[in-house]
Amino acid sequence: MKIAIPMSGSCMDQHFGHCKNVALIDVAPESGKVTCQTELATPEHQHGLLPRWLKEMGVTHVIAGGMGAHARTLLLESSIEVITGAPSETPADLVQKFLSGNLQSVETSCGHTCSH
C-alpha cells in the first residue's frame, strides 16, 4: 500500500490540485506498519497531471482535504482509493487514523474558485 498526501509545510495541504509537495508513505499490508516515508516535489501544475503522476509512482490511496471532481474521477479510474475531507495534520497522524479506521472520507468539492 502506498499512500499519497498533498503537503504544505509539515502538514497536509487542503488543496490537492495545487500542492507543491506530496508525502508518499509505504505501508506493509500484512502488518499495517509504515515501512518508508518520503516527500517529493510535484510536477508543475497542469490540469489532470497530478493523478497520472501518482499512478506512475505506484500510489494506491490518496488522503486529501478538498479535491475537485475531475481529479477524484481520474484517481478512481486509476484504481486509487480517495479519502477526502481530512484535517490538516501531519502525514504520520493521518496515516495512523486511516489505518485504525478513524479517518472516513467526507464528500468535498474544491475547484479553482477556492480561496486559500
N, C-alpha and C. Protein backbone atom coordinates (compact mmCIF):
# COMPACT_ATOMS: atom_id res chain seq x y z
N MET A 1 0.86 -1.17 0.00
CA MET A 1 0.00 0.00 0.00
C MET A 1 0.90 1.23 0.00
N LYS A 2 0.61 2.17 -0.89
CA LYS A 2 1.35 3.43 -0.93
C LYS A 2 0.34 4.57 -0.85
N ILE A 3 0.46 5.38 0.20
CA ILE A 3 -0.47 6.47 0.47
C ILE A 3 0.20 7.79 0.10
N ALA A 4 -0.52 8.62 -0.65
CA ALA A 4 -0.03 9.96 -1.00
C ALA A 4 -0.84 11.01 -0.26
N ILE A 5 -0.14 12.01 0.26
CA ILE A 5 -0.78 13.11 0.99
C ILE A 5 -0.19 14.42 0.46
N PRO A 6 -1.04 15.32 -0.08
CA PRO A 6 -0.52 16.62 -0.53
C PRO A 6 -0.01 17.42 0.66
N MET A 7 1.13 18.08 0.50
CA MET A 7 1.77 18.74 1.63
C MET A 7 1.91 20.24 1.45
N SER A 8 1.83 20.93 2.60
CA SER A 8 2.14 22.35 2.71
C SER A 8 2.88 22.49 4.04
N GLY A 9 4.18 22.66 3.97
CA GLY A 9 4.97 22.66 5.20
C GLY A 9 5.00 21.26 5.78
N SER A 10 4.72 21.15 7.08
CA SER A 10 4.77 19.84 7.74
C SER A 10 3.41 19.16 7.83
N CYS A 11 2.36 19.83 7.32
CA CYS A 11 1.00 19.27 7.40
C CYS A 11 0.38 19.15 6.01
N MET A 12 -0.74 18.47 5.97
CA MET A 12 -1.45 18.26 4.72
C MET A 12 -1.95 19.58 4.14
N ASP A 13 -1.77 19.74 2.83
CA ASP A 13 -2.29 20.89 2.10
C ASP A 13 -3.76 20.63 1.81
N GLN A 14 -4.63 21.57 2.12
CA GLN A 14 -6.06 21.38 1.93
C GLN A 14 -6.49 21.43 0.46
N HIS A 15 -5.63 21.89 -0.45
CA HIS A 15 -5.98 21.97 -1.86
C HIS A 15 -5.12 20.99 -2.65
N PHE A 16 -5.65 19.81 -2.91
CA PHE A 16 -4.94 18.73 -3.57
C PHE A 16 -4.28 19.16 -4.88
N GLY A 17 -5.00 19.81 -5.75
CA GLY A 17 -4.53 20.08 -7.09
C GLY A 17 -3.40 21.08 -7.21
N HIS A 18 -3.15 21.87 -6.18
CA HIS A 18 -2.12 22.89 -6.28
C HIS A 18 -0.99 22.70 -5.27
N CYS A 19 -0.88 21.52 -4.68
CA CYS A 19 0.18 21.28 -3.71
C CYS A 19 1.54 21.29 -4.40
N LYS A 20 2.55 21.73 -3.70
CA LYS A 20 3.92 21.79 -4.23
C LYS A 20 4.70 20.51 -3.93
N ASN A 21 4.29 19.80 -2.87
CA ASN A 21 4.96 18.57 -2.46
C ASN A 21 3.91 17.53 -2.10
N VAL A 22 4.34 16.28 -2.14
CA VAL A 22 3.46 15.19 -1.72
C VAL A 22 4.27 14.22 -0.87
N ALA A 23 3.68 13.82 0.25
CA ALA A 23 4.30 12.78 1.08
C ALA A 23 3.85 11.43 0.54
N LEU A 24 4.79 10.52 0.36
CA LEU A 24 4.50 9.16 -0.07
C LEU A 24 4.86 8.23 1.07
N ILE A 25 3.87 7.49 1.55
CA ILE A 25 4.07 6.62 2.70
C ILE A 25 3.77 5.18 2.28
N ASP A 26 4.78 4.32 2.40
CA ASP A 26 4.60 2.89 2.11
C ASP A 26 4.19 2.19 3.39
N VAL A 27 3.16 1.35 3.29
CA VAL A 27 2.65 0.61 4.44
C VAL A 27 2.62 -0.87 4.07
N ALA A 28 3.21 -1.71 4.93
CA ALA A 28 3.15 -3.15 4.72
C ALA A 28 1.72 -3.62 5.01
N PRO A 29 1.02 -4.17 4.01
CA PRO A 29 -0.39 -4.52 4.21
C PRO A 29 -0.61 -5.59 5.28
N GLU A 30 0.32 -6.51 5.41
CA GLU A 30 0.13 -7.58 6.38
C GLU A 30 0.27 -7.12 7.83
N SER A 31 1.15 -6.13 8.05
CA SER A 31 1.38 -5.67 9.42
C SER A 31 0.75 -4.31 9.70
N GLY A 32 0.47 -3.53 8.65
CA GLY A 32 -0.05 -2.19 8.85
C GLY A 32 1.00 -1.22 9.36
N LYS A 33 2.26 -1.59 9.21
CA LYS A 33 3.37 -0.74 9.68
C LYS A 33 3.92 0.09 8.53
N VAL A 34 4.26 1.35 8.83
CA VAL A 34 4.89 2.22 7.84
C VAL A 34 6.31 1.70 7.61
N THR A 35 6.65 1.46 6.34
CA THR A 35 7.98 0.95 6.01
C THR A 35 8.87 2.01 5.40
N CYS A 36 8.27 3.07 4.84
CA CYS A 36 9.06 4.12 4.22
C CYS A 36 8.20 5.37 4.08
N GLN A 37 8.81 6.53 4.30
CA GLN A 37 8.11 7.80 4.08
C GLN A 37 9.07 8.76 3.41
N THR A 38 8.64 9.31 2.27
CA THR A 38 9.43 10.29 1.55
C THR A 38 8.53 11.47 1.18
N GLU A 39 9.15 12.58 0.86
CA GLU A 39 8.40 13.72 0.37
C GLU A 39 9.04 14.18 -0.93
N LEU A 40 8.23 14.31 -1.97
CA LEU A 40 8.72 14.69 -3.28
C LEU A 40 8.03 15.95 -3.77
N ALA A 41 8.75 16.74 -4.57
CA ALA A 41 8.13 17.88 -5.24
C ALA A 41 7.22 17.35 -6.34
N THR A 42 6.07 17.96 -6.48
CA THR A 42 5.13 17.54 -7.52
C THR A 42 5.52 18.19 -8.84
N PRO A 43 5.07 17.59 -9.95
CA PRO A 43 5.33 18.24 -11.24
C PRO A 43 4.63 19.60 -11.30
N GLU A 44 5.10 20.47 -12.17
CA GLU A 44 4.47 21.77 -12.33
C GLU A 44 2.99 21.58 -12.62
N HIS A 45 2.15 22.45 -12.05
CA HIS A 45 0.70 22.29 -12.14
C HIS A 45 0.22 22.31 -13.59
N GLN A 46 -0.50 21.24 -13.94
CA GLN A 46 -1.23 21.12 -15.20
C GLN A 46 -2.50 20.37 -14.87
N HIS A 47 -3.60 20.79 -15.45
CA HIS A 47 -4.88 20.16 -15.18
C HIS A 47 -4.80 18.66 -15.48
N GLY A 48 -5.07 17.81 -14.48
CA GLY A 48 -5.10 16.36 -14.65
C GLY A 48 -3.77 15.65 -14.56
N LEU A 49 -2.66 16.39 -14.40
CA LEU A 49 -1.34 15.76 -14.38
C LEU A 49 -1.05 15.03 -13.06
N LEU A 50 -1.43 15.61 -11.93
CA LEU A 50 -1.09 15.02 -10.63
C LEU A 50 -1.66 13.61 -10.47
N PRO A 51 -2.92 13.33 -10.82
CA PRO A 51 -3.40 11.95 -10.71
C PRO A 51 -2.60 10.96 -11.56
N ARG A 52 -2.22 11.35 -12.78
CA ARG A 52 -1.41 10.44 -13.62
C ARG A 52 -0.04 10.21 -13.01
N TRP A 53 0.57 11.26 -12.47
CA TRP A 53 1.88 11.14 -11.84
C TRP A 53 1.82 10.21 -10.63
N LEU A 54 0.78 10.36 -9.82
CA LEU A 54 0.64 9.49 -8.64
C LEU A 54 0.47 8.03 -9.05
N LYS A 55 -0.28 7.78 -10.11
CA LYS A 55 -0.43 6.41 -10.60
C LYS A 55 0.93 5.84 -11.00
N GLU A 56 1.73 6.64 -11.72
CA GLU A 56 3.07 6.20 -12.13
C GLU A 56 3.96 5.93 -10.92
N MET A 57 3.73 6.62 -9.82
CA MET A 57 4.51 6.43 -8.60
C MET A 57 4.06 5.18 -7.81
N GLY A 58 2.99 4.53 -8.25
CA GLY A 58 2.51 3.32 -7.58
C GLY A 58 1.58 3.59 -6.41
N VAL A 59 1.01 4.78 -6.35
CA VAL A 59 0.12 5.14 -5.24
C VAL A 59 -1.17 4.32 -5.31
N THR A 60 -1.61 3.83 -4.15
CA THR A 60 -2.87 3.07 -4.05
C THR A 60 -3.96 3.84 -3.33
N HIS A 61 -3.58 4.85 -2.52
CA HIS A 61 -4.53 5.64 -1.73
C HIS A 61 -4.07 7.10 -1.70
N VAL A 62 -5.04 8.00 -1.72
CA VAL A 62 -4.76 9.42 -1.52
C VAL A 62 -5.60 9.92 -0.36
N ILE A 63 -4.96 10.59 0.58
CA ILE A 63 -5.67 11.25 1.68
C ILE A 63 -5.55 12.74 1.40
N ALA A 64 -6.70 13.42 1.32
CA ALA A 64 -6.71 14.84 0.98
C ALA A 64 -7.79 15.58 1.75
N GLY A 65 -7.70 16.89 1.70
CA GLY A 65 -8.75 17.75 2.24
C GLY A 65 -9.78 17.95 1.15
N GLY A 66 -9.62 19.05 0.40
CA GLY A 66 -10.50 19.33 -0.72
C GLY A 66 -9.92 18.80 -2.01
N MET A 67 -10.83 18.36 -2.90
CA MET A 67 -10.40 17.82 -4.19
C MET A 67 -11.51 18.06 -5.20
N GLY A 68 -11.13 18.50 -6.38
CA GLY A 68 -12.10 18.70 -7.45
C GLY A 68 -12.61 17.38 -7.99
N ALA A 69 -13.78 17.45 -8.60
CA ALA A 69 -14.43 16.25 -9.14
C ALA A 69 -13.59 15.58 -10.22
N HIS A 70 -12.94 16.36 -11.08
CA HIS A 70 -12.15 15.78 -12.16
C HIS A 70 -10.97 14.99 -11.61
N ALA A 71 -10.25 15.56 -10.65
CA ALA A 71 -9.11 14.86 -10.05
C ALA A 71 -9.58 13.57 -9.38
N ARG A 72 -10.68 13.65 -8.65
CA ARG A 72 -11.23 12.47 -7.98
C ARG A 72 -11.55 11.38 -9.00
N THR A 73 -12.21 11.77 -10.10
CA THR A 73 -12.56 10.79 -11.14
C THR A 73 -11.31 10.16 -11.73
N LEU A 74 -10.29 10.96 -12.04
CA LEU A 74 -9.06 10.42 -12.61
C LEU A 74 -8.37 9.44 -11.66
N LEU A 75 -8.36 9.77 -10.37
CA LEU A 75 -7.76 8.87 -9.38
C LEU A 75 -8.53 7.56 -9.29
N LEU A 76 -9.85 7.64 -9.21
CA LEU A 76 -10.67 6.45 -9.10
C LEU A 76 -10.54 5.58 -10.36
N GLU A 77 -10.46 6.20 -11.53
CA GLU A 77 -10.26 5.45 -12.78
C GLU A 77 -8.92 4.74 -12.80
N SER A 78 -7.96 5.23 -12.02
CA SER A 78 -6.64 4.60 -11.91
C SER A 78 -6.58 3.61 -10.75
N SER A 79 -7.74 3.26 -10.20
CA SER A 79 -7.84 2.32 -9.07
C SER A 79 -7.12 2.83 -7.83
N ILE A 80 -7.13 4.14 -7.64
CA ILE A 80 -6.56 4.76 -6.44
C ILE A 80 -7.71 5.15 -5.54
N GLU A 81 -7.71 4.62 -4.31
CA GLU A 81 -8.76 4.95 -3.35
C GLU A 81 -8.56 6.38 -2.87
N VAL A 82 -9.65 7.14 -2.78
CA VAL A 82 -9.59 8.55 -2.40
C VAL A 82 -10.32 8.77 -1.08
N ILE A 83 -9.62 9.38 -0.14
CA ILE A 83 -10.21 9.76 1.15
C ILE A 83 -10.13 11.29 1.20
N THR A 84 -11.28 11.97 1.19
CA THR A 84 -11.29 13.43 1.22
C THR A 84 -11.93 13.93 2.51
N GLY A 85 -11.74 15.22 2.75
CA GLY A 85 -12.28 15.84 3.96
C GLY A 85 -11.41 15.65 5.18
N ALA A 86 -10.16 15.23 4.96
CA ALA A 86 -9.24 15.01 6.08
C ALA A 86 -8.79 16.35 6.67
N PRO A 87 -8.48 16.37 7.96
CA PRO A 87 -7.99 17.60 8.59
C PRO A 87 -6.52 17.85 8.21
N SER A 88 -6.08 19.08 8.34
CA SER A 88 -4.70 19.43 8.02
C SER A 88 -3.80 19.03 9.19
N GLU A 89 -3.32 17.80 9.13
CA GLU A 89 -2.45 17.24 10.17
C GLU A 89 -1.20 16.67 9.52
N THR A 90 -0.29 16.15 10.32
CA THR A 90 0.93 15.56 9.78
C THR A 90 0.60 14.25 9.07
N PRO A 91 1.44 13.84 8.11
CA PRO A 91 1.21 12.57 7.43
C PRO A 91 1.16 11.39 8.41
N ALA A 92 2.03 11.39 9.41
CA ALA A 92 2.04 10.28 10.38
C ALA A 92 0.70 10.17 11.09
N ASP A 93 0.15 11.30 11.52
CA ASP A 93 -1.14 11.28 12.21
C ASP A 93 -2.26 10.82 11.28
N LEU A 94 -2.27 11.32 10.04
CA LEU A 94 -3.32 10.95 9.09
C LEU A 94 -3.26 9.47 8.73
N VAL A 95 -2.06 8.95 8.50
CA VAL A 95 -1.92 7.53 8.16
C VAL A 95 -2.36 6.67 9.34
N GLN A 96 -1.97 7.05 10.54
CA GLN A 96 -2.37 6.29 11.73
C GLN A 96 -3.89 6.27 11.86
N LYS A 97 -4.54 7.41 11.68
CA LYS A 97 -6.00 7.47 11.74
C LYS A 97 -6.63 6.60 10.66
N PHE A 98 -6.08 6.66 9.45
CA PHE A 98 -6.61 5.85 8.35
C PHE A 98 -6.47 4.36 8.65
N LEU A 99 -5.28 3.94 9.08
CA LEU A 99 -5.04 2.52 9.34
C LEU A 99 -5.87 1.98 10.50
N SER A 100 -6.20 2.85 11.46
CA SER A 100 -7.00 2.41 12.60
C SER A 100 -8.50 2.54 12.34
N GLY A 101 -8.87 2.99 11.13
CA GLY A 101 -10.28 3.11 10.79
C GLY A 101 -10.94 4.38 11.30
N ASN A 102 -10.14 5.34 11.76
CA ASN A 102 -10.68 6.58 12.32
C ASN A 102 -10.62 7.76 11.37
N LEU A 103 -10.46 7.49 10.07
CA LEU A 103 -10.45 8.55 9.07
C LEU A 103 -11.39 8.13 7.96
N GLN A 104 -12.56 8.73 7.95
CA GLN A 104 -13.57 8.40 6.96
C GLN A 104 -13.64 9.49 5.91
N SER A 105 -13.86 9.09 4.66
CA SER A 105 -13.96 10.06 3.58
C SER A 105 -15.25 10.86 3.71
N VAL A 106 -15.12 12.16 3.51
CA VAL A 106 -16.25 13.08 3.54
C VAL A 106 -16.31 13.75 2.17
N GLU A 107 -17.47 13.79 1.57
CA GLU A 107 -17.63 14.41 0.26
C GLU A 107 -17.22 15.87 0.33
N THR A 108 -16.30 16.26 -0.53
CA THR A 108 -15.85 17.65 -0.59
C THR A 108 -15.82 18.09 -2.04
N SER A 109 -15.74 19.34 -2.23
CA SER A 109 -15.58 19.89 -3.57
C SER A 109 -14.58 21.01 -3.47
N CYS A 110 -13.66 21.04 -4.39
CA CYS A 110 -12.68 22.10 -4.39
C CYS A 110 -12.34 22.40 -5.83
N GLY A 111 -12.72 23.55 -6.30
CA GLY A 111 -12.42 23.95 -7.66
C GLY A 111 -11.45 25.09 -7.67
N HIS A 112 -11.29 25.69 -8.81
CA HIS A 112 -10.34 26.80 -8.95
C HIS A 112 -10.84 28.07 -8.28
N THR A 113 -12.06 28.04 -7.73
CA THR A 113 -12.59 29.22 -7.06
C THR A 113 -12.33 29.18 -5.57
N CYS A 114 -11.66 28.15 -5.07
CA CYS A 114 -11.37 28.07 -3.65
C CYS A 114 -10.43 29.20 -3.25
N SER A 115 -10.60 29.71 -2.04
CA SER A 115 -9.68 30.72 -1.54
C SER A 115 -8.79 30.09 -0.49
N HIS A 116 -7.50 30.24 -0.67
CA HIS A 116 -6.54 29.66 0.27
C HIS A 116 -5.51 30.68 0.65
